[in-house]
C-alpha atoms as a PDB file:
ATOM      1  CA  MET A   1     -15.538  31.720  13.317  1.00  0.00           C
ATOM      2  CA  PRO A   2     -12.149  30.669  14.780  1.00  0.00           C
ATOM      3  CA  ARG A   3      -9.442  32.503  15.642  1.00  0.00           C
ATOM      4  CA  ALA A   4      -8.212  33.784  12.351  1.00  0.00           C
ATOM      5  CA  PRO A   5     -11.077  33.829  10.093  1.00  0.00           C
ATOM      6  CA  SER A   6      -9.762  35.011   7.151  1.00  0.00           C
ATOM      7  CA  ALA A   7      -6.604  32.750   7.015  1.00  0.00           C
ATOM      8  CA  VAL A   8      -8.923  29.690   7.765  1.00  0.00           C
ATOM      9  CA  GLY A   9     -11.522  30.918   5.308  1.00  0.00           C
ATOM     10  CA  ARG A  10      -9.007  31.279   2.445  1.00  0.00           C
ATOM     11  CA  HIS A  11      -7.548  27.583   3.381  1.00  0.00           C
ATOM     12  CA  THR A  12     -11.067  25.927   3.437  1.00  0.00           C
ATOM     13  CA  VAL A  13     -11.953  27.744   0.169  1.00  0.00           C
ATOM     14  CA  ARG A  14      -8.675  26.376  -1.418  1.00  0.00           C
ATOM     15  CA  VAL A  15      -9.404  23.043  -0.299  1.00  0.00           C
ATOM     16  CA  ALA A  16     -12.979  23.335  -1.720  1.00  0.00           C
ATOM     17  CA  TYR A  17     -11.646  24.477  -4.978  1.00  0.00           C
ATOM     18  CA  GLU A  18      -9.064  21.724  -5.313  1.00  0.00           C
ATOM     19  CA  MET A  19     -11.865  19.290  -4.830  1.00  0.00           C
ATOM     20  CA  LEU A  20     -14.394  21.053  -7.072  1.00  0.00           C
ATOM     21  CA  GLY A  21     -12.731  22.688  -9.761  1.00  0.00           C
ATOM     22  CA  SER A  22     -15.115  25.547  -9.685  1.00  0.00           C
ATOM     23  CA  ALA A  23     -14.469  28.756  -7.367  1.00  0.00           C
ATOM     24  CA  ALA A  24     -18.649  29.479  -7.521  1.00  0.00           C
ATOM     25  CA  ASP A  25     -18.938  25.790  -6.237  1.00  0.00           C
ATOM     26  CA  ALA A  26     -16.323  26.119  -3.789  1.00  0.00           C
ATOM     27  CA  GLU A  27     -17.851  29.447  -2.557  1.00  0.00           C
ATOM     28  CA  ASP A  28     -21.074  27.512  -1.916  1.00  0.00           C
ATOM     29  CA  VAL A  29     -19.431  24.843   0.101  1.00  0.00           C
ATOM     30  CA  MET A  30     -17.702  27.310   2.221  1.00  0.00           C
ATOM     31  CA  GLN A  31     -20.994  29.462   2.673  1.00  0.00           C
ATOM     32  CA  GLU A  32     -22.789  26.039   4.104  1.00  0.00           C
ATOM     33  CA  THR A  33     -19.263  25.015   5.817  1.00  0.00           C
ATOM     34  CA  CYS A  34     -19.954  28.808   7.756  1.00  0.00           C
ATOM     35  CA  LEU A  35     -23.460  28.094   8.541  1.00  0.00           C
ATOM     36  CA  ARG A  36     -22.920  24.870   9.894  1.00  0.00           C
ATOM     37  CA  TRP A  37     -19.955  26.431  12.283  1.00  0.00           C
ATOM     38  CA  ALA A  38     -22.441  28.990  13.134  1.00  0.00           C
ATOM     39  CA  ASP A  39     -25.038  26.519  14.369  1.00  0.00           C
ATOM     40  CA  LEU A  40     -22.823  25.026  16.784  1.00  0.00           C
ATOM     41  CA  CYS A  41     -23.500  26.922  20.160  1.00  0.00           C
ATOM     42  CA  GLU A  42     -20.509  28.766  21.987  1.00  0.00           C
ATOM     43  CA  ASP A  43     -19.907  25.605  24.114  1.00  0.00           C
ATOM     44  CA  GLY A  44     -19.659  23.529  20.873  1.00  0.00           C
ATOM     45  CA  GLN A  45     -17.149  25.791  19.222  1.00  0.00           C
ATOM     46  CA  SER A  46     -15.136  26.056  22.408  1.00  0.00           C
ATOM     47  CA  GLU A  47     -14.866  22.256  22.609  1.00  0.00           C
ATOM     48  CA  VAL A  48     -13.445  21.968  19.092  1.00  0.00           C
ATOM     49  CA  GLN A  49      -9.937  21.823  19.703  1.00  0.00           C
ATOM     50  CA  ASN A  50      -8.555  22.635  16.273  1.00  0.00           C
ATOM     51  CA  PRO A  51     -11.157  24.922  14.180  1.00  0.00           C
ATOM     52  CA  ARG A  52      -9.035  24.629  11.273  1.00  0.00           C
ATOM     53  CA  ALA A  53      -8.949  20.950  10.984  1.00  0.00           C
ATOM     54  CA  TYR A  54     -12.807  20.994  12.122  1.00  0.00           C
ATOM     55  CA  LEU A  55     -13.881  23.354   9.067  1.00  0.00           C
ATOM     56  CA  VAL A  56     -11.659  21.281   6.375  1.00  0.00           C
ATOM     57  CA  ARG A  57     -13.427  18.124   7.683  1.00  0.00           C
ATOM     58  CA  ILE A  58     -16.764  19.885   6.813  1.00  0.00           C
ATOM     59  CA  VAL A  59     -15.602  20.963   3.453  1.00  0.00           C
ATOM     60  CA  THR A  60     -14.387  17.726   2.368  1.00  0.00           C
ATOM     61  CA  ARG A  61     -17.699  15.908   3.380  1.00  0.00           C
ATOM     62  CA  GLN A  62     -19.709  18.664   1.841  1.00  0.00           C
ATOM     63  CA  ALA A  63     -17.427  18.883  -1.658  1.00  0.00           C
ATOM     64  CA  PRO A  64     -18.682  15.303  -2.717  1.00  0.00           C
ATOM     65  CA  ASN A  65     -22.092  15.960  -1.910  1.00  0.00           C
ATOM     66  CA  ARG A  66     -22.106  19.271  -3.910  1.00  0.00           C
ATOM     67  CA  LEU A  67     -20.344  17.159  -6.772  1.00  0.00           C
ATOM     68  CA  ARG A  68     -23.512  14.573  -6.738  1.00  0.00           C
ATOM     69  CA  THR A  69     -26.276  17.331  -6.509  1.00  0.00           C
ATOM     70  CA  LEU A  70     -24.504  18.929  -9.931  1.00  0.00           C
ATOM     71  CA  ALA A  71     -24.268  15.772 -11.426  1.00  0.00           C
ATOM     72  CA  ARG A  72     -27.979  14.963 -10.764  1.00  0.00           C
ATOM     73  CA  ARG A  73     -28.850  18.697 -11.914  1.00  0.00           C
ATOM     74  CA  ARG A  74     -27.264  17.728 -15.426  1.00  0.00           C
ATOM     75  CA  GLU A  75     -28.800  14.358 -15.818  1.00  0.00           C
ATOM     76  CA  ASP A  76     -32.289  15.727 -14.760  1.00  0.00           C
ATOM     77  CA  TYR A  77     -32.052  18.536 -17.573  1.00  0.00           C
ATOM     78  CA  VAL A  78     -35.441  18.622 -19.501  1.00  0.00           C
ATOM     79  CA  GLY A  79     -34.949  21.405 -21.654  1.00  0.00           C
ATOM     80  CA  GLU A  80     -33.756  21.346 -25.170  1.00  0.00           C
ATOM     81  CA  TRP A  81     -30.152  21.178 -25.929  1.00  0.00           C
ATOM     82  CA  LEU A  82     -28.285  23.295 -28.128  1.00  0.00           C
ATOM     83  CA  PRO A  83     -26.311  21.558 -30.719  1.00  0.00           C
ATOM     84  CA  GLU A  84     -22.338  21.408 -30.340  1.00  0.00           C
ATOM     85  CA  PRO A  85     -21.074  23.931 -33.202  1.00  0.00           C
ATOM     86  CA  ARG A  86     -19.586  22.254 -36.389  1.00  0.00           C
ATOM     87  CA  LEU A  87     -16.380  22.709 -37.512  1.00  0.00           C
ATOM     88  CA  LEU A  88     -16.187  23.000 -41.130  1.00  0.00           C
ATOM     89  CA  HIS A  89     -12.279  22.729 -41.921  1.00  0.00           C
ATOM     90  CA  GLY A  90      -9.535  23.592 -39.372  1.00  0.00           C
ATOM     91  CA  ILE A  91      -9.889  24.929 -36.112  1.00  0.00           C
ATOM     92  CA  HIS A  92     -11.791  28.158 -36.766  1.00  0.00           C
ATOM     93  CA  GLY A  93     -13.483  27.117 -40.203  1.00  0.00           C
ATOM     94  CA  TYR A  94     -10.978  29.473 -42.000  1.00  0.00           C
ATOM     95  CA  ALA A  95     -10.372  26.945 -44.691  1.00  0.00           C
ATOM     96  CA  ALA A  96     -13.891  27.006 -45.539  1.00  0.00           C
ATOM     97  CA  MET A  97     -14.257  30.720 -45.397  1.00  0.00           C
ATOM     98  CA  THR A  98     -11.621  30.908 -47.987  1.00  0.00           C
ATOM     99  CA  ARG A  99     -12.481  28.320 -50.287  1.00  0.00           C
ATOM    100  CA  PRO A 100     -13.560  29.884 -53.831  1.00  0.00           C
ATOM    101  CA  MET A 101     -17.602  29.554 -54.030  1.00  0.00           C
ATOM    102  CA  PRO A 102     -18.545  27.290 -56.901  1.00  0.00           C
ATOM    103  CA  ALA A 103     -19.800  29.325 -60.244  1.00  0.00           C
ATOM    104  CA  GLY A 104     -23.286  28.364 -59.732  1.00  0.00           C
ATOM    105  CA  HIS A 105     -23.178  29.582 -56.333  1.00  0.00           C
ATOM    106  CA  ALA A 106     -21.584  33.142 -57.516  1.00  0.00           C
ATOM    107  CA  VAL A 107     -23.808  33.932 -60.237  1.00  0.00           C
ATOM    108  CA  GLN A 108     -26.868  33.107 -57.855  1.00  0.00           C
ATOM    109  CA  ALA A 109     -25.376  35.316 -54.917  1.00  0.00           C
ATOM    110  CA  GLY A 110     -24.804  38.068 -57.904  1.00  0.00           C
ATOM    111  CA  ILE A 111     -28.485  37.600 -58.766  1.00  0.00           C
ATOM    112  CA  THR A 112     -29.772  37.892 -55.044  1.00  0.00           C
ATOM    113  CA  ARG A 113     -27.458  41.189 -54.664  1.00  0.00           C
ATOM    114  CA  ALA A 114     -28.520  42.931 -57.541  1.00  0.00           C
ATOM    115  CA  ALA A 115     -32.381  42.391 -56.860  1.00  0.00           C
END
């Protein structure tokens, strides 16, 4: 890693998070970035004049790849989708819960409870 790995790491994670909007995805991109940095031999790392800029460049190239991968996974999902919850009335369905029950339903509910 570069001279100040924690400072550079925080900065590159922040850049990835700004591009991706998800901390988990930013961590994944940062992990890939660290692997690429580690793959450089010592000579390659010593040739890098500005490690922070180099790592940010890797992150900015990996983040769009991650977005494309995530979009492809969402498109290729073959499982059963759960329906979106329906709101009856109001934000939390409170109006539906406080609405008086029709007489026929009340009688049926009373009979069901008694049985």
